Protein backbone atom coordinates (compact mmCIF):
# COMPACT_ATOMS: atom_id res chain seq x y z
CA MET A 1 -22.11 -60.70 -6.81
CA ASN A 2 -19.36 -58.47 -5.26
CA LYS A 3 -17.05 -56.62 -7.59
CA SER A 4 -13.63 -55.34 -6.49
CA ARG A 5 -13.01 -51.64 -7.15
CA THR A 6 -9.72 -50.37 -8.52
CA PRO A 7 -8.45 -46.82 -8.01
CA SER A 8 -9.32 -44.45 -10.77
CA GLY A 9 -6.51 -43.12 -12.91
CA LEU A 10 -6.39 -39.79 -11.09
CA THR A 11 -6.28 -41.40 -7.66
CA ALA A 12 -3.47 -43.67 -8.75
CA ILE A 13 -1.41 -40.73 -9.95
CA ILE A 14 -1.83 -38.88 -6.65
CA VAL A 15 -0.78 -41.92 -4.67
CA MET A 16 2.34 -42.29 -6.83
CA ILE A 17 3.30 -38.62 -6.39
CA ILE A 18 3.00 -38.83 -2.60
CA ALA A 19 5.07 -41.99 -2.55
CA MET A 20 7.79 -40.38 -4.65
CA GLN A 21 7.90 -37.27 -2.40
CA VAL A 22 8.24 -39.42 0.69
CA ALA A 23 10.98 -41.45 -0.94
CA LEU A 24 12.91 -38.43 -2.17
CA SER A 25 12.61 -36.31 0.97
CA GLY A 26 14.27 -38.83 3.24
CA PRO A 27 14.22 -38.54 7.00
CA TYR A 28 13.55 -35.08 8.57
CA PHE A 29 16.45 -33.41 10.38
CA GLU A 30 16.08 -30.43 12.81
CA PRO A 31 18.34 -27.60 11.56
CA PRO A 32 21.10 -26.75 14.03
CA VAL A 33 20.49 -23.70 16.24
CA VAL A 34 23.30 -21.17 15.89
CA VAL A 35 23.75 -19.05 18.99
CA PRO A 36 25.83 -15.97 18.20
CA GLU A 37 28.68 -15.26 20.53
CA PRO A 38 28.19 -12.13 22.64
CA PRO A 39 30.36 -9.19 21.58
CA PRO A 40 33.47 -8.69 23.67
CA PRO A 41 33.11 -6.15 26.48
CA PRO A 42 34.48 -2.66 25.84
CA PRO A 43 38.11 -2.26 26.85
CA PRO A 44 39.06 -0.46 30.07
CA VAL A 45 38.48 3.26 29.76
CA ASP A 46 42.18 4.09 30.17
CA GLU A 47 42.88 2.16 26.94
CA LEU A 48 40.51 4.45 25.03
CA PHE A 49 42.53 7.59 25.68
CA PRO A 50 44.74 8.73 22.80
CA PRO A 51 48.48 8.16 23.25
CA GLY A 52 50.83 10.95 24.21
CA GLU A 53 51.65 13.19 27.13
CA ARG A 54 49.02 15.54 28.51
CA LEU A 55 48.88 17.97 31.42
CA ASP A 56 45.79 16.31 32.87
CA LYS A 57 47.58 12.94 33.01
CA SER A 58 50.18 14.29 35.45
CA ASN A 59 47.84 16.39 37.59
CA VAL A 60 46.57 14.41 40.59
CA ILE A 61 43.44 15.37 42.50
CA LEU A 62 42.11 13.86 45.73
CA VAL A 63 38.45 12.88 45.38
CA LEU A 64 36.11 11.79 48.18
CA LEU A 65 34.04 8.95 46.71
CA GLY A 66 31.60 7.72 49.33
CA ASP A 67 33.70 7.18 52.44
CA ASP A 68 37.02 6.77 50.65
CA ILE A 69 39.48 9.32 49.30
CA GLU A 70 41.00 8.32 45.98
CA ALA A 71 43.88 9.92 44.10
CA LEU A 72 42.79 10.29 40.47
CA THR A 73 44.44 11.96 37.54
CA MET A 74 42.58 15.03 36.36
CA GLU A 75 41.65 13.09 33.21
CA GLN A 76 40.06 10.28 35.18
CA TYR A 77 38.19 12.73 37.38
CA LEU A 78 36.89 14.85 34.50
CA ILE A 79 35.55 11.86 32.59
CA GLY A 80 33.35 10.98 35.56
CA VAL A 81 32.23 14.58 36.10
CA VAL A 82 31.41 15.51 32.50
CA ALA A 83 29.56 12.22 32.00
CA ALA A 84 27.53 12.84 35.16
CA GLU A 85 26.83 16.52 34.61
CA MET A 86 26.01 16.80 30.89
CA PRO A 87 24.29 14.45 28.40
CA ALA A 88 26.86 12.78 26.14
CA SER A 89 24.58 13.56 23.19
CA PHE A 90 25.24 17.30 23.56
CA GLU A 91 27.35 19.08 20.96
CA LEU A 92 31.09 18.49 21.33
CA GLU A 93 31.84 22.18 21.92
CA ALA A 94 29.31 22.24 24.77
CA LEU A 95 30.95 19.14 26.26
CA LYS A 96 34.31 20.89 25.97
CA ALA A 97 32.94 23.94 27.79
CA GLN A 98 31.68 21.61 30.53
CA ALA A 99 35.10 19.94 30.78
CA VAL A 100 36.82 23.31 31.20
CA ALA A 101 34.30 24.41 33.84
CA ALA A 102 34.76 21.16 35.76
CA ARG A 103 38.56 21.36 35.53
CA THR A 104 38.45 24.97 36.72
CA ASN A 105 36.30 24.07 39.71
CA ALA A 106 38.65 21.24 40.67
CA LEU A 107 41.63 23.61 40.55
CA HIS A 108 39.67 26.26 42.45
CA PHE A 109 38.86 23.86 45.28
CA LYS A 110 42.42 22.52 45.26
CA ARG A 111 44.19 25.87 45.31
CA VAL A 112 41.82 28.62 46.40
CA ALA A 113 38.95 27.38 48.56
CA ASN A 114 39.28 23.95 50.11
CA LYS A 115 35.93 22.55 51.24
CA PRO A 116 35.49 22.36 55.03
CA ARG A 117 33.19 19.33 54.65
CA HIS A 118 36.14 17.27 53.41
CA PRO A 119 39.42 18.99 54.37
CA ASP A 120 41.52 15.99 53.35
CA ALA A 121 40.08 15.80 49.83
CA ASN A 122 40.10 18.47 47.15
CA VAL A 123 36.64 17.57 45.81
CA CYS A 124 33.80 15.12 46.43
CA SER A 125 31.14 13.40 44.35
CA ASP A 126 28.20 15.11 46.08
CA PHE A 127 26.73 17.60 43.59
CA SER A 128 25.29 19.70 46.42
CA CYS A 129 28.84 20.28 47.70
CA CYS A 130 31.14 20.01 44.67
CA THR A 131 30.09 18.27 41.45
CA ALA A 132 28.48 14.97 40.53
CA PHE A 133 30.73 12.07 39.50
CA ASN A 134 29.99 8.71 37.86
CA ASP A 135 32.61 5.97 37.91
CA ASP A 136 33.25 3.78 34.88
CA GLU A 137 31.21 0.84 36.20
CA ARG A 138 28.14 3.03 36.56
CA LEU A 139 28.62 4.53 33.10
CA ARG A 140 28.81 1.08 31.50
CA SER A 141 25.59 0.08 33.24
CA ARG A 142 23.85 3.35 32.40
CA TRP A 143 24.85 3.54 28.74
CA GLY A 144 24.81 -0.15 27.82
CA ASP A 145 25.39 -0.61 24.08
CA ASP A 146 26.03 3.13 23.69
CA TYR A 147 28.97 3.06 26.07
CA ILE A 148 31.76 3.23 23.47
CA VAL A 149 30.14 6.03 21.45
CA ASN A 150 29.39 8.09 24.55
CA ILE A 151 32.67 7.58 26.39
CA GLU A 152 34.66 8.47 23.27
CA ARG A 153 32.76 11.77 23.02
CA ILE A 154 33.48 12.54 26.66
CA ILE A 155 37.15 11.61 26.27
CA SER A 156 37.36 13.84 23.19
CA ALA A 157 35.96 16.77 25.17
CA VAL A 158 38.42 16.23 28.03
CA THR A 159 41.56 15.61 25.98
CA GLY A 160 40.56 18.32 23.49
CA THR A 161 40.76 20.90 26.30
CA ASP A 162 43.75 19.40 28.10
CA GLY A 163 44.96 21.67 30.90
CA ILE A 164 42.68 24.58 29.97
CA TYR A 165 40.97 26.42 32.83
CA LEU A 166 39.41 29.81 33.56
CA SER A 167 41.18 32.36 35.72
CA TYR A 168 40.49 35.77 37.21
CA ASN A 169 43.34 37.73 38.77
CA ASP A 170 45.56 34.73 37.98
CA GLU A 171 43.50 32.30 40.11
CA PRO A 172 41.13 29.53 38.99
CA ILE A 173 37.57 30.79 39.38
CA LEU A 174 34.50 29.19 40.90
CA ALA A 175 33.05 28.08 37.56
CA ALA A 176 29.42 27.59 38.61
CA PHE A 177 27.00 26.02 36.17
CA HIS A 178 23.37 24.94 36.06
CA SER A 179 21.01 23.02 33.79
CA SER A 180 18.95 25.71 32.06
CA SER A 181 18.29 29.40 32.48
CA SER A 182 15.20 31.54 32.00
CA GLY A 183 16.55 33.93 29.37
CA ASN A 184 19.26 35.40 31.59
CA THR A 185 21.61 33.85 34.12
CA GLU A 186 21.75 35.02 37.74
CA SER A 187 24.38 37.09 39.52
CA SER A 188 26.12 35.21 42.32
CA GLU A 189 25.16 37.50 45.22
CA ASN A 190 21.47 36.79 44.63
CA VAL A 191 22.07 33.12 45.44
CA TRP A 192 25.21 32.91 47.60
CA VAL A 193 25.50 36.44 49.09
CA THR A 194 29.02 37.08 47.72
CA ALA A 195 29.23 39.18 44.54
CA LEU A 196 31.84 37.56 42.31
CA PRO A 197 32.90 39.80 39.38
CA TYR A 198 32.96 36.94 36.89
CA LEU A 199 29.52 35.55 37.81
CA ARG A 200 27.27 38.29 36.43
CA SER A 201 23.81 38.05 34.90
CA VAL A 202 24.09 37.55 31.12
CA TYR A 203 21.77 36.59 28.28
CA SER A 204 21.31 32.85 27.71
CA PRO A 205 19.72 31.59 24.47
CA GLU A 206 17.76 28.46 25.44
CA SER A 207 13.98 28.09 25.15
CA ASP A 208 11.31 25.41 25.29
CA ILE A 209 12.32 24.44 21.73
CA TYR A 210 15.64 23.12 23.03
CA VAL A 211 14.99 22.24 26.68
CA PRO A 212 12.67 19.46 27.87
CA ASN A 213 10.40 20.52 30.76
CA TYR A 214 11.57 24.10 30.31
CA VAL A 215 8.35 25.42 31.86
CA THR A 216 6.80 23.31 34.63
CA SER A 217 4.11 23.75 37.25
CA VAL A 218 3.58 22.55 40.81
CA THR A 219 0.17 22.88 42.48
CA VAL A 220 -0.12 22.92 46.26
CA SER A 221 -3.30 23.02 48.36
CA ALA A 222 -3.81 25.93 50.73
CA GLU A 223 -3.49 23.53 53.67
CA MET A 224 -0.16 22.22 52.44
CA PHE A 225 1.03 25.76 51.72
CA ILE A 226 0.25 26.81 55.29
CA GLU A 227 1.91 23.72 56.75
CA THR A 228 5.07 24.15 54.65
CA VAL A 229 5.46 27.86 55.38
CA LEU A 230 4.82 27.55 59.12
CA GLU A 231 7.35 24.74 59.41
CA ALA A 232 10.05 27.11 58.16
CA TYR A 233 8.59 30.38 59.47
CA PRO A 234 6.39 29.82 62.56
CA GLY A 235 5.72 33.56 62.84
CA ALA A 236 3.96 33.84 59.48
CA LEU A 237 0.28 34.89 59.66
CA LEU A 238 -1.69 32.98 57.05
CA GLU A 239 -5.30 33.87 57.70
CA GLY A 240 -8.22 35.29 55.70
CA ASP A 241 -8.06 35.64 51.91
CA GLU A 242 -5.17 33.53 50.56
CA HIS A 243 -4.54 36.15 47.84
CA SER A 244 -3.15 38.38 50.60
CA TRP A 245 -0.65 35.83 51.87
CA ILE A 246 2.05 36.65 49.29
CA THR A 247 2.94 40.33 48.84
CA ASN A 248 5.82 42.72 48.14
CA ILE A 249 7.57 40.55 45.57
CA THR A 250 10.93 41.87 44.37
CA TYR A 251 12.91 40.50 41.46
CA THR A 252 16.56 40.30 40.49
CA GLU A 253 17.87 41.81 37.27
CA SER A 254 17.48 38.39 35.63
CA GLY A 255 13.75 38.29 36.41
CA ARG A 256 13.93 35.76 39.24
CA VAL A 257 12.20 36.19 42.57
CA TYR A 258 14.66 37.79 45.00
CA GLU A 259 12.45 38.02 48.06
CA LEU A 260 8.80 38.37 49.05
CA LEU A 261 6.55 38.64 52.08
CA VAL A 262 4.75 35.44 52.97
CA GLY A 263 2.31 35.96 55.81
CA GLY A 264 4.19 39.13 56.68
CA VAL A 265 7.58 37.37 56.92
CA ILE A 266 10.45 38.09 54.52
CA VAL A 267 11.30 34.97 52.50
CA LYS A 268 14.16 34.77 50.01
CA GLY A 269 13.37 33.41 46.57
CA THR A 270 15.98 30.71 47.08
CA MET A 271 14.22 29.63 50.27
CA LEU A 272 10.84 29.59 48.51
CA ARG A 273 12.35 27.31 45.90
CA SER A 274 13.71 24.98 48.57
CA MET A 275 10.48 24.85 50.58
CA PHE A 276 8.31 23.84 47.65
CA ASN A 277 10.93 21.88 45.69
CA LEU A 278 10.70 24.21 42.69
CA ARG A 279 12.98 23.84 39.68
CA SER A 280 14.12 27.47 39.80
CA THR A 281 13.43 30.90 41.30
CA ALA A 282 12.16 32.12 37.93
CA VAL A 283 8.69 31.51 39.26
CA THR A 284 5.19 32.94 39.07
CA PHE A 285 2.24 31.87 41.22
CA GLU A 286 -1.51 31.96 40.94
CA TRP A 287 -4.25 31.10 43.42
CA SER A 288 -7.16 29.14 42.01
CA GLY A 289 -10.79 29.35 43.06
CA SER A 290 -10.49 25.87 44.57
CA GLY A 291 -8.07 27.05 47.24
CA SER A 292 -4.76 25.92 45.78
CA ILE A 293 -1.69 27.74 44.52
CA THR A 294 0.17 26.89 41.31
CA PHE A 295 3.88 27.68 41.01
CA THR A 296 5.07 27.93 37.40
CA THR A 297 8.84 27.87 36.90
CA THR A 298 11.11 28.43 33.92
CA GLY A 299 14.49 26.71 33.63
CA PHE A 300 16.20 24.45 36.13
CA GLY A 301 18.86 25.18 38.72
CA HIS A 302 20.27 28.13 40.65
CA GLY A 303 20.91 30.08 37.46
CA VAL A 304 24.48 31.17 38.23
CA GLY A 305 27.30 30.76 35.69
CA MET A 306 27.08 28.58 32.60
CA SER A 307 23.74 27.25 31.48
CA GLN A 308 24.37 23.76 30.13
CA TYR A 309 21.43 23.83 27.71
CA GLY A 310 22.34 27.37 26.73
CA ALA A 311 25.87 26.19 25.98
CA ASN A 312 24.46 23.43 23.79
CA VAL A 313 22.31 25.91 21.86
CA MET A 314 25.33 28.14 21.28
CA ALA A 315 27.31 25.13 20.06
CA LEU A 316 24.47 24.17 17.71
CA TYR A 317 24.82 27.61 16.14
CA GLY A 318 28.56 27.28 15.61
CA GLN A 319 30.09 28.79 18.75
CA ASN A 320 33.20 27.04 20.07
CA PHE A 321 33.89 26.29 23.70
CA THR A 322 35.93 29.46 24.32
CA ASP A 323 33.12 31.58 22.85
CA ILE A 324 30.67 29.88 25.19
CA LEU A 325 32.83 30.28 28.29
CA ASN A 326 33.53 33.96 27.60
CA VAL A 327 29.80 34.63 27.44
CA TYR A 328 28.92 32.97 30.74
CA TYR A 329 31.97 33.99 32.79
CA THR A 330 32.56 37.74 32.68
CA GLY A 331 36.10 39.07 32.28
CA VAL A 332 37.92 35.75 32.72
CA SER A 333 41.05 34.52 30.99
CA VAL A 334 41.06 31.17 29.23
CA THR A 335 44.40 29.81 30.44
CA SER A 336 46.30 26.97 28.82
CA SER A 337 49.33 26.04 30.88
CA ASP A 338 50.35 23.87 33.81
CA GLU A 339 50.23 26.81 36.23
CA GLY A 340 46.95 25.57 37.67
CA ARG A 341 48.39 22.33 39.02
């Protein structure tokens, strides 16, 4: 005889709870997806300048950008130069020193020594000829979300030194600068032949604590060394013991290689740097037992004038931009007037 089974009391309660939850919850709705609106783009750079009249706003400079010559105000030009030549994260007083150096160079090329490579333009954007330059489009792409913070720092450095330049004998100087030095900067005649009285070797305070890649090494095989030297100096004799290939090394007062004999041929330190793509002429070398030579360099650049990392170290320790400039440029006057137009 079959007997029907009824749910136990516990089972019945569970069934009732599930039924009530289903009844109370109602139909399931997908929550709406909220897509945040993108932030508005930064305003044009000219709108970020503070109001008011400034000397740099009325000083026009002709700049060769690519194949075109553009007439820019000194303000517009300096923004692109300072942003290209020095990290925006550097101390403000270092950025100001860079702005003054760049302004001085522009006035020097405009008034004193026009460049033969571009006689119709005062300056160009080729760092190997004049100074590097980044336009606003490139800066926006390079800095991304940090654009406003960085451009405002650069603008502050430029407008905070409005019209200020360095002069010697009442003329804007060649305000050379480089990335980092090796304890002392270099005198101009050791790099460019001409001895300029304001570009003397002076102490510079940077070290590997403050400068990334301050000391670097390049290793070259003996075969590559021979090939590179003979390409530039076919008369060099590179035979026998490689330890005898480099002799008679002389140094400048800053400790950089001035010249040396390579295979019996006189080679300038600046040429050695160029041949082996070294970061500076503050270089030592060592032959290894495996038949290769290692060049170890300190600092980066030609070493003449203001060290950018040295300027930043000085700013970190409380020096202002005029203090910095008076250290790196010997006997100059810091001029604030419109005479340099």
